Amino acid sequence: MKIIDSTIIVALISMAGTIIGSMIGVMKSNDKTLYRIEQLEKKVEAHNNLVERMTIVEQEEKSNEQRIQRLECEKYD
């Protein structure tokens, strides 16, 4: 009977070790995933900021081009 009892104890200890190891692995993987998502969010935010700034520059360019055309027309009139 003692052989069965010790076998069960060893099996329970092994199961506990496996469960704990798996949980630690999942938590570490989750931390890495969250870190990567945060880094991607920062890159997307920087990209969106660049897009907004380029839109402003394009609008200013159009405005400057129109002013230059008006000045050229005034110069030749």
Protein backbone atom coordinates (compact mmCIF):
# COMPACT_ATOMS: atom_id res chain seq x y z
CA MET A 1 0.00 0.00 0.00
CA LYS A 2 2.90 2.39 0.69
CA ILE A 3 4.07 2.10 -2.95
CA ILE A 4 0.73 3.39 -4.19
CA ASP A 5 0.70 6.22 -1.67
CA SER A 6 4.19 7.41 -2.60
CA THR A 7 3.33 7.13 -6.29
CA ILE A 8 0.26 9.29 -5.79
CA ILE A 9 2.29 11.84 -3.83
CA VAL A 10 4.95 12.00 -6.55
CA ALA A 11 2.24 12.37 -9.20
CA LEU A 12 0.58 15.20 -7.27
CA ILE A 13 3.90 16.99 -6.79
CA SER A 14 4.66 16.59 -10.50
CA MET A 15 1.23 17.91 -11.41
CA ALA A 16 1.67 20.92 -9.12
CA GLY A 17 5.07 21.63 -10.64
CA THR A 18 3.67 21.40 -14.15
CA ILE A 19 0.78 23.71 -13.34
CA ILE A 20 3.02 26.28 -11.66
CA GLY A 21 5.53 26.13 -14.52
CA SER A 22 2.81 26.56 -17.11
CA MET A 23 1.30 29.51 -15.27
CA ILE A 24 4.68 31.24 -15.01
CA GLY A 25 5.28 30.64 -18.72
CA VAL A 26 1.90 32.09 -19.65
CA MET A 27 2.43 35.16 -17.46
CA LYS A 28 5.89 35.82 -18.96
CA SER A 29 4.50 35.40 -22.47
CA ASN A 30 1.64 37.77 -21.62
CA ASP A 31 4.12 40.36 -20.34
CA LYS A 32 6.11 40.16 -23.58
CA THR A 33 2.95 40.49 -25.65
CA LEU A 34 1.80 43.54 -23.69
CA TYR A 35 5.25 45.13 -24.03
CA ARG A 36 5.22 44.58 -27.79
CA ILE A 37 1.72 46.03 -28.08
CA GLU A 38 2.83 49.13 -26.15
CA GLN A 39 5.81 49.57 -28.48
CA LEU A 40 3.57 49.23 -31.53
CA GLU A 41 1.15 51.79 -30.07
CA LYS A 42 4.04 54.24 -29.67
CA LYS A 43 5.10 53.71 -33.28
CA VAL A 44 1.53 54.17 -34.53
CA GLU A 45 1.19 57.35 -32.48
CA ALA A 46 4.43 58.72 -33.94
CA HIS A 47 3.25 57.82 -37.45
CA ASN A 48 -0.12 59.49 -36.91
CA ASN A 49 1.65 62.58 -35.60
CA LEU A 50 3.78 62.65 -38.75
CA VAL A 51 0.70 62.33 -40.95
CA GLU A 52 -0.95 65.25 -39.16
CA ARG A 53 2.15 67.42 -39.54
CA MET A 54 2.47 66.53 -43.24
CA THR A 55 -1.16 67.51 -43.80
CA ILE A 56 -0.43 70.93 -42.31
CA VAL A 57 2.70 71.31 -44.44
CA GLU A 58 0.78 70.40 -47.59
CA GLN A 59 -1.90 72.98 -46.79
CA GLU A 60 0.75 75.62 -46.19
CA GLU A 61 2.46 74.66 -49.44
CA LYS A 62 -0.79 75.15 -51.38
CA SER A 63 -1.32 78.51 -49.73
CA ASN A 64 2.25 79.62 -50.49
CA GLU A 65 1.93 78.47 -54.08
CA GLN A 66 -1.26 80.49 -54.50
CA ARG A 67 0.42 83.58 -53.04
CA ILE A 68 3.38 83.15 -55.38
CA GLN A 69 1.05 82.87 -58.37
CA ARG A 70 -0.78 86.04 -57.28
CA LEU A 71 2.49 87.90 -56.88
CA GLU A 72 3.67 86.78 -60.30
CA CYS A 73 0.40 87.89 -61.85
CA GLU A 74 0.68 91.29 -60.12
CA LYS A 75 4.27 91.63 -61.27
CA TYR A 76 3.36 91.13 -64.94
CA ASP A 77 0.23 93.31 -64.83
